[in-house]
N, C-alpha and C. Protein backbone atom coordinates (compact mmCIF):
# COMPACT_ATOMS: atom_id res chain seq x y z
N UNK A 1 0.40 -1.28 -0.02
CA UNK A 1 0.02 0.01 -0.30
C UNK A 1 0.87 1.71 0.27
N UNK A 2 0.79 2.41 -1.07
CA UNK A 2 0.92 3.45 -0.94
C UNK A 2 1.07 4.09 -0.11
N UNK A 3 2.02 4.81 0.58
CA UNK A 3 1.52 6.58 1.38
C UNK A 3 1.89 7.23 1.89
N UNK A 4 1.48 7.99 1.85
CA UNK A 4 1.62 9.37 1.84
C UNK A 4 2.78 10.27 3.41
N UNK A 5 2.88 8.93 4.12
CA UNK A 5 3.45 9.32 5.00
C UNK A 5 4.90 9.91 5.66
N UNK A 6 6.17 10.09 4.64
CA UNK A 6 7.10 10.72 4.68
C UNK A 6 6.92 12.12 4.58
N UNK A 7 5.84 12.37 3.05
CA UNK A 7 5.99 13.40 2.99
C UNK A 7 5.18 14.19 3.87
N UNK A 8 4.39 13.76 4.75
CA UNK A 8 3.09 14.83 5.84
C UNK A 8 4.29 14.99 6.85
N UNK A 9 5.03 13.99 7.42
CA UNK A 9 6.00 14.04 7.98
C UNK A 9 6.22 15.12 7.71
N UNK A 10 8.15 15.40 6.52
CA UNK A 10 8.60 15.86 6.24
C UNK A 10 7.91 17.38 6.38
N UNK A 11 6.73 17.70 6.57
CA UNK A 11 5.92 18.54 6.35
C UNK A 11 6.02 19.74 7.67
N UNK A 12 6.03 18.94 8.90
CA UNK A 12 5.32 19.26 10.05
C UNK A 12 7.20 19.51 10.81
N UNK A 13 8.24 19.32 9.99
CA UNK A 13 9.75 19.65 10.56
C UNK A 13 9.87 18.03 11.26
N UNK A 14 9.84 16.37 11.23
CA UNK A 14 9.66 16.06 12.11
C UNK A 14 10.97 14.50 12.11
N UNK A 15 11.06 14.08 12.78
CA UNK A 15 12.48 13.26 12.33
C UNK A 15 10.91 11.75 12.72
N UNK A 16 11.92 10.71 11.63
CA UNK A 16 11.17 9.83 12.02
C UNK A 16 10.94 9.16 13.23
N UNK A 17 12.30 9.60 14.89
CA UNK A 17 11.36 9.70 15.46
C UNK A 17 10.61 9.76 16.49
N UNK A 18 10.23 11.73 16.40
CA UNK A 18 9.07 11.72 17.01
C UNK A 18 7.68 11.43 17.15
N UNK A 19 8.03 10.82 15.35
CA UNK A 19 6.55 10.21 14.68
C UNK A 19 6.41 9.01 15.10
N UNK A 20 7.29 8.67 15.26
CA UNK A 20 7.62 6.55 16.71
C UNK A 20 7.51 7.03 17.90
N UNK A 21 7.67 8.44 18.23
CA UNK A 21 7.31 8.58 19.57
C UNK A 21 5.73 9.38 19.91
N UNK A 22 5.40 9.28 18.93
CA UNK A 22 4.03 10.36 18.49
C UNK A 22 2.84 9.40 18.61
N UNK A 23 3.39 8.23 18.55
CA UNK A 23 2.43 7.28 17.58
C UNK A 23 2.56 5.40 18.53
N UNK A 24 3.80 5.78 19.38
CA UNK A 24 4.42 4.89 20.94
C UNK A 24 4.18 3.67 19.88
N UNK A 25 5.33 3.38 18.60
CA UNK A 25 6.08 2.41 18.07
C UNK A 25 7.60 3.00 17.84
N UNK A 26 8.71 1.67 16.73
CA UNK A 26 9.40 2.09 16.53
C UNK A 26 10.07 2.78 15.41
N UNK A 27 11.16 3.61 16.02
CA UNK A 27 11.68 4.39 14.82
C UNK A 27 11.79 3.98 12.84
N UNK A 28 11.52 2.32 13.93
CA UNK A 28 12.22 0.84 12.38
C UNK A 28 10.37 0.46 12.08
N UNK A 29 9.99 1.32 12.40
CA UNK A 29 8.23 0.77 12.53
C UNK A 29 7.99 1.79 11.16
N UNK A 30 8.09 2.90 11.80
CA UNK A 30 8.07 4.46 11.02
C UNK A 30 8.97 4.17 9.97
N UNK A 31 10.27 3.89 9.54
CA UNK A 31 10.50 3.87 8.47
C UNK A 31 10.31 2.57 7.74
N UNK A 32 9.34 1.01 8.29
CA UNK A 32 8.86 0.01 6.56
C UNK A 32 7.44 1.04 7.08
N UNK A 33 7.02 1.27 7.57
CA UNK A 33 5.80 2.04 6.97
C UNK A 33 5.56 3.33 5.75
N UNK A 34 6.60 3.71 5.82
CA UNK A 34 7.64 4.68 5.03
C UNK A 34 7.79 3.75 3.38
N UNK A 35 8.54 3.06 3.39
CA UNK A 35 9.60 2.52 2.53
C UNK A 35 7.86 1.89 1.72
N UNK A 36 7.24 1.67 2.54
CA UNK A 36 5.91 0.28 1.97
C UNK A 36 6.57 -0.76 1.97
N UNK A 37 7.39 -1.93 2.88
CA UNK A 37 7.56 -3.46 3.54
C UNK A 37 7.31 -3.78 4.45
N UNK A 38 6.44 -2.46 4.98
CA UNK A 38 5.04 -2.93 6.89
C UNK A 38 3.94 -2.29 6.73
N UNK A 39 2.75 -2.69 6.35
CA UNK A 39 1.92 -2.14 6.21
C UNK A 39 1.16 -2.46 7.24
N UNK A 40 0.39 -0.99 8.70
CA UNK A 40 0.55 -0.73 9.08
C UNK A 40 -1.07 -1.83 9.45
N UNK A 41 -1.33 -2.12 10.63
CA UNK A 41 -2.41 -2.99 11.35
C UNK A 41 -3.73 -1.74 11.48
N UNK A 42 -5.13 -1.71 10.75
CA UNK A 42 -6.19 -0.88 10.89
C UNK A 42 -6.09 0.32 12.14
N UNK A 43 -6.08 0.31 13.33
CA UNK A 43 -5.87 0.92 13.99
C UNK A 43 -4.50 1.59 14.48
N UNK A 44 -3.05 1.46 13.76
CA UNK A 44 -2.35 2.23 13.95
C UNK A 44 -2.33 2.94 12.28
N UNK A 45 -3.66 1.95 11.53
CA UNK A 45 -3.61 3.41 10.66
C UNK A 45 -4.34 4.75 11.00
N UNK A 46 -5.41 4.27 11.10
CA UNK A 46 -6.00 4.90 12.08
C UNK A 46 -5.73 6.35 12.93
N UNK A 47 -4.68 5.71 13.37
CA UNK A 47 -4.83 6.84 14.95
C UNK A 47 -2.88 7.67 14.26
N UNK A 48 -2.98 7.24 13.32
CA UNK A 48 -2.13 7.90 12.12
C UNK A 48 -2.71 8.99 11.17
N UNK A 49 -3.34 8.61 10.89
CA UNK A 49 -3.73 9.67 10.19
C UNK A 49 -5.56 10.51 10.60
N UNK A 50 -5.34 10.04 12.05
CA UNK A 50 -5.80 11.26 13.19
C UNK A 50 -4.96 12.07 14.10
N UNK A 51 -3.75 12.16 14.05
CA UNK A 51 -1.50 12.26 14.52
C UNK A 51 -2.27 14.00 13.07
N UNK A 52 -2.56 13.27 11.67
CA UNK A 52 -2.28 14.19 10.35
C UNK A 52 -3.36 15.30 10.36
N UNK A 53 -4.64 14.98 11.16
CA UNK A 53 -6.08 15.33 10.96
C UNK A 53 -6.23 15.54 10.16
N UNK A 54 -6.32 13.99 9.40
CA UNK A 54 -6.61 13.55 7.99
C UNK A 54 -7.10 12.03 7.86
N UNK A 55 -8.14 12.15 6.22
CA UNK A 55 -8.44 11.46 7.00
C UNK A 55 -7.78 10.00 6.11
N UNK A 56 -8.07 8.73 6.47
CA UNK A 56 -7.44 7.80 6.04
C UNK A 56 -7.09 7.49 4.94
N UNK A 57 -7.65 8.09 4.04
CA UNK A 57 -7.61 7.71 1.72
C UNK A 57 -6.63 9.12 2.68
N UNK A 58 -6.61 10.02 3.76
CA UNK A 58 -5.81 10.86 2.15
C UNK A 58 -3.84 10.84 3.47
N UNK A 59 -3.96 9.35 3.46
CA UNK A 59 -2.87 9.33 4.02
C UNK A 59 -2.03 7.28 3.46
N UNK A 60 -3.33 7.32 3.46
CA UNK A 60 -2.81 6.02 2.67
C UNK A 60 -3.53 5.77 1.67
N UNK A 61 -2.95 5.52 0.68
CA UNK A 61 -3.20 5.60 -1.52
C UNK A 61 -3.09 4.09 -1.56
N UNK A 62 -4.38 3.71 -2.61
CA UNK A 62 -4.47 2.78 -2.86
C UNK A 62 -3.70 2.07 -3.96
N UNK A 63 -3.04 1.14 -4.49
CA UNK A 63 -1.97 1.00 -5.02
C UNK A 63 -1.94 0.91 -6.91
């Protein structure tokens, strides 16, 4: 699944570690999601969307 996580994070000036701390996941998890190596669980995907104050469809894109 494609996503805009890296762009959204960069727009806020957050490092991967900053985002990981806000989501209570590891930095490695954030990296894996950003690079498409890992699709987050649905609850985590909603937490990400909520953090950026966006609809989930605005963060995660269909292939």
